[in-house]
């Protein structure tokens, strides 16, 4: 198979293969969103005392670490603890798909009484966040739980809304959204007509 050539057209990346991928956020956009979210978290919580960041495995862990690093630059006198949570065993769709434990939870601090900011890269149906809230209980009873996401793509199936959003990105249900440090890319599913 020959390599796929990408052509840059405005704010779109067009693939020479049969599928197209649209760049919704550049790497610079992602960096700016992370800095903005960090400032919003500090403002909303009147500082960082009692604050903890927990990234959801896989996509939310790098983002949680980046947000925590920015918060620590803003409020350098207190270091915000950062953890990672694998929600695989807490999902409500375990019977629909196999559980694959590809990552482990690592929350080396007690969450009791803390304000926990759950962090994920892309918010879609809300089911991963529901599972995360259940999983947090294994590490203590937080005073409050807030949600930060890089991308909110809509299509919620549960009444979950993020407190901090990098970008609201309308999508079709079948679209694939990939969020990394290098940018956010949307690849349409040609079979999905919703």
N, C-alpha and C. Protein backbone atom coordinates (compact mmCIF):
# COMPACT_ATOMS: atom_id res chain seq x y z
N UNK A 1 0.84 -1.18 0.00
CA UNK A 1 0.00 0.00 0.00
C UNK A 1 0.89 1.24 0.00
N UNK A 2 0.54 2.19 -0.82
CA UNK A 2 1.35 3.40 -0.92
C UNK A 2 1.03 4.35 0.23
N UNK A 3 1.99 5.18 0.63
CA UNK A 3 1.74 6.12 1.71
C UNK A 3 0.67 7.14 1.30
N UNK A 4 -0.02 7.64 2.29
CA UNK A 4 -1.06 8.63 2.06
C UNK A 4 -0.44 10.02 2.06
N UNK A 5 -0.73 10.79 1.03
CA UNK A 5 -0.21 12.15 0.93
C UNK A 5 -1.26 13.11 1.48
N UNK A 6 -0.86 14.02 2.35
CA UNK A 6 -1.77 15.01 2.90
C UNK A 6 -1.52 16.35 2.24
N UNK A 7 -2.57 17.01 1.82
CA UNK A 7 -2.48 18.34 1.25
C UNK A 7 -3.15 19.30 2.21
N UNK A 8 -2.53 20.41 2.47
CA UNK A 8 -3.07 21.42 3.39
C UNK A 8 -3.92 22.40 2.58
N UNK A 9 -5.20 22.50 2.93
CA UNK A 9 -6.09 23.44 2.25
C UNK A 9 -6.80 24.24 3.34
N UNK A 10 -6.39 25.47 3.55
CA UNK A 10 -6.99 26.30 4.59
C UNK A 10 -6.82 25.64 5.94
N UNK A 11 -7.93 25.43 6.63
CA UNK A 11 -7.90 24.79 7.94
C UNK A 11 -8.29 23.32 7.83
N UNK A 12 -8.16 22.75 6.62
CA UNK A 12 -8.53 21.36 6.41
C UNK A 12 -7.32 20.59 5.93
N UNK A 13 -7.18 19.36 6.39
CA UNK A 13 -6.18 18.45 5.86
C UNK A 13 -6.91 17.49 4.97
N UNK A 14 -6.55 17.41 3.72
CA UNK A 14 -7.23 16.54 2.80
C UNK A 14 -6.30 15.40 2.42
N UNK A 15 -6.79 14.20 2.56
CA UNK A 15 -6.00 13.02 2.28
C UNK A 15 -6.21 12.60 0.83
N UNK A 16 -5.15 12.12 0.23
CA UNK A 16 -5.25 11.62 -1.14
C UNK A 16 -5.90 10.24 -1.16
N UNK A 17 -6.10 9.62 0.01
CA UNK A 17 -6.80 8.34 0.07
C UNK A 17 -8.30 8.59 0.05
N UNK A 18 -9.12 7.55 0.23
CA UNK A 18 -10.56 7.67 0.13
C UNK A 18 -11.18 8.43 1.30
N UNK A 19 -10.51 8.51 2.46
CA UNK A 19 -11.10 9.22 3.59
C UNK A 19 -10.42 10.58 3.75
N UNK A 20 -11.17 11.52 4.32
CA UNK A 20 -10.62 12.84 4.58
C UNK A 20 -10.60 13.07 6.08
N UNK A 21 -9.62 13.79 6.51
CA UNK A 21 -9.49 14.12 7.92
C UNK A 21 -9.39 15.63 8.03
N UNK A 22 -10.24 16.21 8.87
CA UNK A 22 -10.26 17.66 9.03
C UNK A 22 -9.55 18.03 10.33
N UNK A 23 -8.66 18.98 10.23
CA UNK A 23 -7.96 19.47 11.42
C UNK A 23 -8.86 20.51 12.10
N UNK A 24 -9.36 20.17 13.29
CA UNK A 24 -10.25 21.06 14.02
C UNK A 24 -9.47 21.98 14.96
N UNK A 25 -8.32 21.52 15.44
CA UNK A 25 -7.44 22.34 16.29
C UNK A 25 -6.00 22.01 15.94
N UNK A 26 -5.17 23.04 15.83
CA UNK A 26 -3.75 22.83 15.59
C UNK A 26 -3.05 22.56 16.92
N UNK A 27 -1.78 22.23 16.88
CA UNK A 27 -1.01 22.03 18.11
C UNK A 27 -0.99 23.31 18.94
N UNK A 28 -0.89 24.45 18.27
CA UNK A 28 -0.91 25.74 18.98
C UNK A 28 -2.27 25.98 19.63
N UNK A 29 -3.36 25.60 18.94
CA UNK A 29 -4.70 25.73 19.51
C UNK A 29 -4.83 24.88 20.77
N UNK A 30 -4.29 23.66 20.72
CA UNK A 30 -4.34 22.74 21.87
C UNK A 30 -3.59 23.36 23.05
N UNK A 31 -2.39 23.89 22.79
CA UNK A 31 -1.61 24.52 23.87
C UNK A 31 -2.36 25.69 24.50
N UNK A 32 -2.96 26.53 23.66
CA UNK A 32 -3.72 27.68 24.18
C UNK A 32 -4.93 27.22 24.99
N UNK A 33 -5.61 26.18 24.54
CA UNK A 33 -6.78 25.65 25.26
C UNK A 33 -6.36 25.12 26.62
N UNK A 34 -5.22 24.44 26.70
CA UNK A 34 -4.73 23.89 27.96
C UNK A 34 -4.43 25.02 28.95
N UNK A 35 -3.78 26.07 28.48
CA UNK A 35 -3.46 27.22 29.34
C UNK A 35 -4.75 27.87 29.83
N UNK A 36 -5.72 28.05 28.93
CA UNK A 36 -6.99 28.67 29.30
C UNK A 36 -7.75 27.83 30.32
N UNK A 37 -7.82 26.52 30.09
CA UNK A 37 -8.51 25.62 31.02
C UNK A 37 -7.85 25.68 32.39
N UNK A 38 -6.52 25.69 32.43
CA UNK A 38 -5.80 25.76 33.72
C UNK A 38 -6.17 27.04 34.47
N UNK A 39 -6.20 28.17 33.77
CA UNK A 39 -6.58 29.43 34.41
C UNK A 39 -8.03 29.39 34.91
N UNK A 40 -8.93 28.81 34.11
CA UNK A 40 -10.33 28.71 34.51
C UNK A 40 -10.50 27.84 35.76
N UNK A 41 -9.73 26.75 35.84
CA UNK A 41 -9.80 25.87 37.01
C UNK A 41 -9.35 26.63 38.26
N UNK A 42 -8.25 27.36 38.16
CA UNK A 42 -7.74 28.13 39.31
C UNK A 42 -8.76 29.19 39.72
N UNK A 43 -9.33 29.89 38.75
CA UNK A 43 -10.33 30.93 39.05
C UNK A 43 -11.57 30.35 39.71
N UNK A 44 -12.13 29.31 39.13
CA UNK A 44 -13.37 28.72 39.65
C UNK A 44 -13.19 28.20 41.07
N UNK A 45 -12.00 27.68 41.38
CA UNK A 45 -11.75 27.08 42.69
C UNK A 45 -11.05 28.03 43.66
N UNK A 46 -10.89 29.29 43.28
CA UNK A 46 -10.26 30.31 44.13
C UNK A 46 -8.89 29.85 44.62
N UNK A 47 -8.11 29.31 43.71
CA UNK A 47 -6.78 28.80 44.04
C UNK A 47 -6.73 27.30 43.83
N UNK A 48 -5.74 26.67 44.46
CA UNK A 48 -5.55 25.24 44.23
C UNK A 48 -5.53 24.40 45.50
N UNK A 49 -5.77 25.01 46.65
CA UNK A 49 -5.77 24.26 47.90
C UNK A 49 -6.92 23.25 47.86
N UNK A 50 -6.60 21.99 48.10
CA UNK A 50 -7.60 20.92 48.11
C UNK A 50 -7.98 20.42 46.73
N UNK A 51 -7.23 20.84 45.70
CA UNK A 51 -7.53 20.46 44.32
C UNK A 51 -6.69 19.26 43.92
N UNK A 52 -7.27 18.35 43.14
CA UNK A 52 -6.54 17.21 42.57
C UNK A 52 -6.99 17.03 41.13
N UNK A 53 -6.07 16.62 40.27
CA UNK A 53 -6.35 16.37 38.86
C UNK A 53 -6.27 14.87 38.63
N UNK A 54 -7.29 14.31 37.97
CA UNK A 54 -7.29 12.88 37.64
C UNK A 54 -7.61 12.74 36.16
N UNK A 55 -6.63 12.28 35.38
CA UNK A 55 -6.82 12.06 33.95
C UNK A 55 -7.38 10.67 33.71
N UNK A 56 -8.29 10.57 32.75
CA UNK A 56 -8.89 9.28 32.41
C UNK A 56 -8.02 8.57 31.39
N UNK A 57 -7.67 7.32 31.70
CA UNK A 57 -6.86 6.53 30.79
C UNK A 57 -7.63 6.34 29.49
N UNK A 58 -7.11 6.45 28.45
CA UNK A 58 -5.82 6.81 27.94
C UNK A 58 -5.70 8.27 27.58
N UNK A 59 -6.68 8.80 26.86
CA UNK A 59 -6.55 10.15 26.32
C UNK A 59 -6.49 11.27 27.33
N UNK A 60 -7.05 11.07 28.51
CA UNK A 60 -7.06 12.14 29.48
C UNK A 60 -5.81 12.23 30.34
N UNK A 61 -4.95 11.21 30.30
CA UNK A 61 -3.78 11.24 31.18
C UNK A 61 -2.78 12.30 30.75
N UNK A 62 -2.43 12.35 29.48
CA UNK A 62 -1.48 13.37 29.02
C UNK A 62 -2.06 14.76 29.22
N UNK A 63 -3.36 14.90 28.99
CA UNK A 63 -4.01 16.19 29.13
C UNK A 63 -4.05 16.62 30.59
N UNK A 64 -4.34 15.69 31.49
CA UNK A 64 -4.33 16.00 32.91
C UNK A 64 -2.96 16.44 33.39
N UNK A 65 -1.92 15.77 32.91
CA UNK A 65 -0.55 16.15 33.28
C UNK A 65 -0.21 17.55 32.76
N UNK A 66 -0.62 17.86 31.53
CA UNK A 66 -0.36 19.18 30.95
C UNK A 66 -1.11 20.27 31.70
N UNK A 67 -2.37 20.02 32.03
CA UNK A 67 -3.16 21.02 32.77
C UNK A 67 -2.56 21.24 34.15
N UNK A 68 -2.18 20.15 34.83
CA UNK A 68 -1.57 20.27 36.16
C UNK A 68 -0.26 21.07 36.09
N UNK A 69 0.53 20.83 35.06
CA UNK A 69 1.79 21.57 34.91
C UNK A 69 1.51 23.06 34.73
N UNK A 70 0.49 23.41 33.97
CA UNK A 70 0.13 24.81 33.78
C UNK A 70 -0.39 25.42 35.08
N UNK A 71 -1.20 24.67 35.82
CA UNK A 71 -1.71 25.15 37.11
C UNK A 71 -0.55 25.40 38.06
N UNK A 72 0.42 24.49 38.07
CA UNK A 72 1.58 24.65 38.95
C UNK A 72 2.43 25.86 38.57
N UNK A 73 2.40 26.27 37.31
CA UNK A 73 3.09 27.51 36.90
C UNK A 73 2.32 28.73 37.40
N UNK A 74 0.99 28.65 37.37
CA UNK A 74 0.15 29.77 37.81
C UNK A 74 0.22 29.94 39.32
N UNK A 75 0.10 28.84 40.04
CA UNK A 75 0.09 28.84 41.52
C UNK A 75 1.29 28.02 41.99
N UNK A 76 2.45 28.61 41.94
CA UNK A 76 3.69 27.86 42.17
C UNK A 76 3.93 27.49 43.63
N UNK A 77 3.19 28.08 44.58
CA UNK A 77 3.44 27.77 45.99
C UNK A 77 2.86 26.43 46.44
N UNK A 78 1.91 25.87 45.68
CA UNK A 78 1.31 24.58 46.01
C UNK A 78 1.33 23.71 44.77
N UNK A 79 1.77 22.46 44.93
CA UNK A 79 1.80 21.53 43.80
C UNK A 79 0.50 20.71 43.78
N UNK A 80 -0.17 20.73 42.64
CA UNK A 80 -1.43 20.00 42.49
C UNK A 80 -1.13 18.53 42.20
N UNK A 81 -1.68 17.61 43.01
CA UNK A 81 -1.45 16.19 42.74
C UNK A 81 -2.18 15.74 41.47
N UNK A 82 -1.55 14.82 40.75
CA UNK A 82 -2.10 14.31 39.49
C UNK A 82 -2.17 12.80 39.55
N UNK A 83 -3.28 12.25 39.11
CA UNK A 83 -3.44 10.81 39.07
C UNK A 83 -4.03 10.38 37.74
N UNK A 84 -4.16 9.07 37.56
CA UNK A 84 -4.73 8.50 36.34
C UNK A 84 -5.73 7.42 36.74
N UNK A 85 -6.85 7.35 36.04
CA UNK A 85 -7.91 6.40 36.37
C UNK A 85 -8.30 5.60 35.14
N UNK A 86 -8.26 4.28 35.27
CA UNK A 86 -8.75 3.38 34.22
C UNK A 86 -10.18 3.01 34.59
N UNK A 87 -11.12 3.30 33.71
CA UNK A 87 -12.54 3.09 34.02
C UNK A 87 -13.09 1.80 33.42
N UNK A 88 -12.24 0.97 32.84
CA UNK A 88 -12.70 -0.23 32.12
C UNK A 88 -13.68 -1.08 32.92
N UNK A 89 -13.40 -1.32 34.18
CA UNK A 89 -14.24 -2.21 34.98
C UNK A 89 -15.49 -1.54 35.52
N UNK A 90 -15.62 -0.24 35.31
CA UNK A 90 -16.77 0.49 35.82
C UNK A 90 -17.76 0.88 34.72
N UNK A 91 -17.46 0.49 33.48
CA UNK A 91 -18.32 0.86 32.35
C UNK A 91 -19.64 0.11 32.41
N UNK A 92 -20.70 0.72 31.88
CA UNK A 92 -22.01 0.07 31.88
C UNK A 92 -22.24 -0.75 30.61
N UNK A 93 -21.24 -0.79 29.73
CA UNK A 93 -21.39 -1.57 28.49
C UNK A 93 -20.42 -2.76 28.44
N UNK A 94 -20.04 -3.25 29.61
CA UNK A 94 -19.11 -4.38 29.66
C UNK A 94 -19.69 -5.58 28.92
N UNK A 95 -21.01 -5.77 29.00
CA UNK A 95 -21.62 -6.93 28.33
C UNK A 95 -21.64 -6.76 26.81
N UNK A 96 -21.48 -5.54 26.32
CA UNK A 96 -21.53 -5.29 24.88
C UNK A 96 -20.18 -5.40 24.19
N UNK A 97 -19.11 -5.22 24.97
CA UNK A 97 -17.78 -5.32 24.38
C UNK A 97 -16.81 -5.83 25.43
N UNK A 98 -15.77 -6.49 24.98
CA UNK A 98 -14.83 -7.06 25.97
C UNK A 98 -14.06 -5.98 26.72
N UNK A 99 -13.73 -6.29 27.96
CA UNK A 99 -12.94 -5.39 28.78
C UNK A 99 -11.48 -5.60 28.42
N UNK A 100 -10.81 -4.54 28.06
CA UNK A 100 -9.38 -4.64 27.78
C UNK A 100 -8.64 -3.73 28.75
N UNK A 101 -7.94 -4.33 29.66
CA UNK A 101 -7.19 -3.56 30.65
C UNK A 101 -5.84 -3.19 30.06
N UNK A 102 -5.80 -2.10 29.36
CA UNK A 102 -4.57 -1.66 28.73
C UNK A 102 -3.81 -0.66 29.57
N UNK A 103 -4.44 -0.15 30.59
CA UNK A 103 -3.81 0.86 31.43
C UNK A 103 -4.20 0.61 32.88
N UNK A 104 -3.46 1.16 33.77
CA UNK A 104 -3.76 0.97 35.18
C UNK A 104 -4.10 2.31 35.82
N UNK A 105 -4.86 2.22 36.90
CA UNK A 105 -5.15 3.42 37.68
C UNK A 105 -3.96 3.71 38.57
N UNK A 106 -3.65 4.98 38.72
CA UNK A 106 -2.57 5.40 39.60
C UNK A 106 -2.98 6.71 40.27
N UNK A 107 -3.60 6.56 41.44
CA UNK A 107 -3.99 7.72 42.22
C UNK A 107 -3.35 7.54 43.59
N UNK A 108 -2.12 8.03 43.76
CA UNK A 108 -1.36 7.77 44.99
C UNK A 108 -1.68 8.75 46.13
N UNK A 109 -2.90 9.25 46.17
CA UNK A 109 -3.31 10.17 47.23
C UNK A 109 -4.78 9.95 47.51
N UNK A 110 -5.21 10.32 48.73
CA UNK A 110 -6.59 10.16 49.14
C UNK A 110 -7.43 11.30 48.55
N UNK A 111 -8.56 10.96 47.97
CA UNK A 111 -9.43 11.96 47.36
C UNK A 111 -10.47 12.50 48.34
N UNK A 112 -10.52 11.95 49.55
CA UNK A 112 -11.53 12.37 50.53
C UNK A 112 -11.41 13.87 50.80
N UNK A 113 -12.52 14.58 50.60
CA UNK A 113 -12.57 16.01 50.86
C UNK A 113 -11.96 16.88 49.79
N UNK A 114 -11.38 16.30 48.76
CA UNK A 114 -10.74 17.07 47.70
C UNK A 114 -11.74 17.49 46.63
N UNK A 115 -11.40 18.54 45.91
CA UNK A 115 -12.13 18.89 44.69
C UNK A 115 -11.34 18.24 43.56
N UNK A 116 -11.96 17.26 42.93
CA UNK A 116 -11.28 16.49 41.88
C UNK A 116 -11.72 17.00 40.52
N UNK A 117 -10.75 17.31 39.68
CA UNK A 117 -11.04 17.68 38.29
C UNK A 117 -10.73 16.46 37.44
N UNK A 118 -11.78 15.81 36.95
CA UNK A 118 -11.61 14.71 36.00
C UNK A 118 -11.25 15.32 34.66
N UNK A 119 -10.29 14.72 33.96
CA UNK A 119 -9.83 15.26 32.68
C UNK A 119 -9.89 14.17 31.62
N UNK A 120 -10.51 14.50 30.49
CA UNK A 120 -10.53 13.58 29.35
C UNK A 120 -10.31 14.38 28.07
N UNK A 121 -9.85 13.69 27.04
CA UNK A 121 -9.57 14.38 25.79
C UNK A 121 -10.84 14.73 25.03
N UNK A 122 -11.75 13.76 24.85
CA UNK A 122 -12.96 13.98 24.07
C UNK A 122 -14.17 13.52 24.88
N UNK A 123 -15.15 14.39 25.03
CA UNK A 123 -16.42 14.02 25.67
C UNK A 123 -17.42 13.72 24.57
N UNK A 124 -18.03 12.53 24.67
CA UNK A 124 -18.97 12.09 23.63
C UNK A 124 -20.31 11.75 24.30
N UNK A 125 -20.58 10.51 24.60
CA UNK A 125 -21.87 10.12 25.16
C UNK A 125 -21.99 10.41 26.65
N UNK A 126 -20.87 10.51 27.34
CA UNK A 126 -20.87 10.73 28.78
C UNK A 126 -20.71 9.46 29.59
N UNK A 127 -20.70 8.32 28.93
CA UNK A 127 -20.62 7.05 29.64
C UNK A 127 -19.27 6.82 30.30
N UNK A 128 -18.19 7.28 29.70
CA UNK A 128 -16.87 7.14 30.31
C UNK A 128 -16.78 7.99 31.58
N UNK A 129 -17.35 9.17 31.54
CA UNK A 129 -17.33 10.05 32.71
C UNK A 129 -18.17 9.44 33.83
N UNK A 130 -19.32 8.86 33.50
CA UNK A 130 -20.15 8.19 34.51
C UNK A 130 -19.35 7.08 35.17
N UNK A 131 -18.64 6.29 34.38
CA UNK A 131 -17.81 5.21 34.91
C UNK A 131 -16.69 5.76 35.79
N UNK A 132 -16.13 6.90 35.38
CA UNK A 132 -15.05 7.51 36.16
C UNK A 132 -15.54 7.97 37.52
N UNK A 133 -16.72 8.56 37.56
CA UNK A 133 -17.26 9.01 38.85
C UNK A 133 -17.47 7.83 39.79
N UNK A 134 -17.89 6.71 39.24
CA UNK A 134 -18.03 5.49 40.05
C UNK A 134 -16.66 5.00 40.51
N UNK A 135 -15.70 5.00 39.63
CA UNK A 135 -14.35 4.53 39.95
C UNK A 135 -13.64 5.39 40.98
N UNK A 136 -13.94 6.68 41.01
CA UNK A 136 -13.30 7.58 41.98
C UNK A 136 -13.59 7.15 43.42
N UNK A 137 -14.74 6.55 43.65
CA UNK A 137 -15.12 6.16 45.01
C UNK A 137 -14.15 5.16 45.63
N UNK A 138 -13.39 4.47 44.83
CA UNK A 138 -12.38 3.54 45.37
C UNK A 138 -11.21 4.28 46.02
N UNK A 139 -11.12 5.58 45.81
CA UNK A 139 -9.98 6.37 46.30
C UNK A 139 -10.39 7.43 47.31
N UNK A 140 -11.61 7.34 47.81
CA UNK A 140 -12.09 8.31 48.79
C UNK A 140 -13.35 8.99 48.28
N UNK A 141 -13.93 9.82 49.15
CA UNK A 141 -15.15 10.55 48.78
C UNK A 141 -14.80 12.02 48.56
N UNK A 142 -14.71 12.43 47.29
CA UNK A 142 -14.35 13.82 47.00
C UNK A 142 -15.44 14.79 47.50
N UNK A 143 -15.02 15.99 47.84
CA UNK A 143 -15.97 17.05 48.20
C UNK A 143 -16.78 17.45 46.98
N UNK A 144 -16.10 17.54 45.82
CA UNK A 144 -16.76 17.91 44.57
C UNK A 144 -15.98 17.30 43.41
N UNK A 145 -16.68 17.07 42.31
CA UNK A 145 -16.05 16.56 41.09
C UNK A 145 -16.40 17.52 39.96
N UNK A 146 -15.37 17.96 39.25
CA UNK A 146 -15.54 18.83 38.09
C UNK A 146 -14.98 18.10 36.88
N UNK A 147 -15.39 18.52 35.69
CA UNK A 147 -14.97 17.85 34.47
C UNK A 147 -14.34 18.84 33.50
N UNK A 148 -13.13 18.50 33.03
CA UNK A 148 -12.43 19.29 32.01
C UNK A 148 -12.18 18.41 30.80
N UNK A 149 -12.51 18.92 29.62
CA UNK A 149 -12.29 18.17 28.38
C UNK A 149 -11.67 19.09 27.34
N UNK A 150 -10.85 18.52 26.50
CA UNK A 150 -10.28 19.30 25.40
C UNK A 150 -11.35 19.54 24.34
N UNK A 151 -12.14 18.50 24.03
CA UNK A 151 -13.17 18.60 23.00
C UNK A 151 -14.49 18.05 23.52
N UNK A 152 -15.56 18.84 23.35
CA UNK A 152 -16.92 18.36 23.60
C UNK A 152 -17.57 18.22 22.25
N UNK A 153 -17.81 16.98 21.84
CA UNK A 153 -18.34 16.73 20.51
C UNK A 153 -19.85 16.52 20.47
N UNK A 154 -20.51 16.61 21.64
CA UNK A 154 -21.96 16.46 21.67
C UNK A 154 -22.39 15.01 21.68
N UNK A 155 -23.66 14.76 21.39
CA UNK A 155 -24.27 13.42 21.31
C UNK A 155 -24.37 12.74 22.68
N UNK A 156 -24.63 13.51 23.73
CA UNK A 156 -24.71 12.95 25.07
C UNK A 156 -25.86 11.97 25.21
N UNK A 157 -25.62 10.88 25.92
CA UNK A 157 -26.64 9.89 26.26
C UNK A 157 -26.98 9.95 27.74
N UNK A 158 -26.19 10.68 28.50
CA UNK A 158 -26.40 10.84 29.94
C UNK A 158 -26.34 12.34 30.27
N UNK A 159 -26.97 12.76 31.37
CA UNK A 159 -26.97 14.19 31.71
C UNK A 159 -25.65 14.64 32.33
N UNK A 160 -24.63 14.69 31.51
CA UNK A 160 -23.29 15.08 31.96
C UNK A 160 -22.84 16.27 31.12
N UNK A 161 -22.32 17.30 31.81
CA UNK A 161 -21.87 18.51 31.12
C UNK A 161 -20.51 18.91 31.69
N UNK A 162 -19.55 19.23 30.83
CA UNK A 162 -18.23 19.62 31.34
C UNK A 162 -18.23 21.02 31.95
N UNK A 163 -17.36 21.21 32.94
CA UNK A 163 -17.18 22.51 33.57
C UNK A 163 -16.19 23.36 32.79
N UNK A 164 -15.23 22.70 32.15
CA UNK A 164 -14.16 23.39 31.42
C UNK A 164 -14.01 22.71 30.06
N UNK A 165 -14.06 23.50 28.98
CA UNK A 165 -14.03 22.95 27.62
C UNK A 165 -13.01 23.71 26.79
N UNK A 166 -12.14 22.96 26.09
CA UNK A 166 -11.22 23.58 25.15
C UNK A 166 -11.92 24.04 23.89
N UNK A 167 -12.78 23.17 23.33
CA UNK A 167 -13.51 23.51 22.11
C UNK A 167 -14.77 22.67 22.02
N UNK A 168 -15.89 23.34 21.73
CA UNK A 168 -17.12 22.65 21.39
C UNK A 168 -17.04 22.35 19.90
N UNK A 169 -17.17 21.08 19.55
CA UNK A 169 -16.95 20.65 18.18
C UNK A 169 -18.12 19.79 17.70
N UNK A 170 -19.08 20.39 16.98
CA UNK A 170 -20.19 19.59 16.47
C UNK A 170 -19.69 18.51 15.51
N UNK A 171 -20.17 17.30 15.70
CA UNK A 171 -19.76 16.17 14.86
C UNK A 171 -20.98 15.32 14.52
N UNK A 172 -20.78 14.39 13.60
CA UNK A 172 -21.78 13.35 13.34
C UNK A 172 -21.45 12.19 14.28
N UNK A 173 -22.45 11.40 14.59
CA UNK A 173 -22.26 10.28 15.52
C UNK A 173 -21.13 9.34 15.09
N UNK A 174 -21.02 9.06 13.83
CA UNK A 174 -20.02 8.09 13.36
C UNK A 174 -18.62 8.65 13.15
N UNK A 175 -18.45 9.95 13.31
CA UNK A 175 -17.13 10.55 13.11
C UNK A 175 -16.13 10.04 14.13
N UNK A 176 -14.89 9.95 13.72
CA UNK A 176 -13.80 9.61 14.63
C UNK A 176 -13.09 10.90 14.98
N UNK A 177 -12.97 11.19 16.30
CA UNK A 177 -12.29 12.39 16.75
C UNK A 177 -11.03 11.98 17.49
N UNK A 178 -9.90 12.47 17.03
CA UNK A 178 -8.61 12.15 17.63
C UNK A 178 -8.02 13.44 18.20
N UNK A 179 -7.73 13.42 19.51
CA UNK A 179 -7.17 14.60 20.17
C UNK A 179 -5.81 14.25 20.78
N UNK A 180 -4.77 14.97 20.34
CA UNK A 180 -3.42 14.77 20.86
C UNK A 180 -2.77 16.13 21.04
N UNK A 181 -1.54 16.12 21.51
CA UNK A 181 -0.77 17.37 21.62
C UNK A 181 -0.58 18.02 20.25
N UNK A 182 -0.59 17.19 19.21
CA UNK A 182 -0.34 17.68 17.86
C UNK A 182 -1.57 18.30 17.20
N UNK A 183 -2.74 18.17 17.82
CA UNK A 183 -3.95 18.75 17.27
C UNK A 183 -5.14 17.85 17.45
N UNK A 184 -6.28 18.34 16.97
CA UNK A 184 -7.53 17.58 17.02
C UNK A 184 -7.98 17.37 15.58
N UNK A 185 -8.25 16.12 15.24
CA UNK A 185 -8.61 15.76 13.88
C UNK A 185 -9.93 15.00 13.86
N UNK A 186 -10.78 15.33 12.91
CA UNK A 186 -12.07 14.66 12.74
C UNK A 186 -12.04 13.92 11.42
N UNK A 187 -12.31 12.62 11.49
CA UNK A 187 -12.39 11.80 10.29
C UNK A 187 -13.82 11.31 10.16
N UNK A 188 -14.52 11.73 9.11
CA UNK A 188 -15.91 11.29 8.94
C UNK A 188 -15.99 9.82 8.59
N UNK A 189 -17.05 9.19 9.07
CA UNK A 189 -17.33 7.81 8.71
C UNK A 189 -18.27 7.88 7.51
N UNK A 190 -17.81 7.43 6.36
CA UNK A 190 -18.59 7.54 5.14
C UNK A 190 -19.88 6.73 5.18
N UNK A 191 -19.96 5.76 6.09
CA UNK A 191 -21.17 4.93 6.19
C UNK A 191 -22.22 5.58 7.07
N UNK A 192 -21.85 6.57 7.88
CA UNK A 192 -22.77 7.22 8.80
C UNK A 192 -23.42 8.42 8.12
N UNK A 193 -24.72 8.47 8.11
CA UNK A 193 -25.46 9.56 7.45
C UNK A 193 -26.20 10.42 8.45
N UNK A 194 -25.93 10.26 9.76
CA UNK A 194 -26.66 11.06 10.76
C UNK A 194 -26.15 12.46 10.86
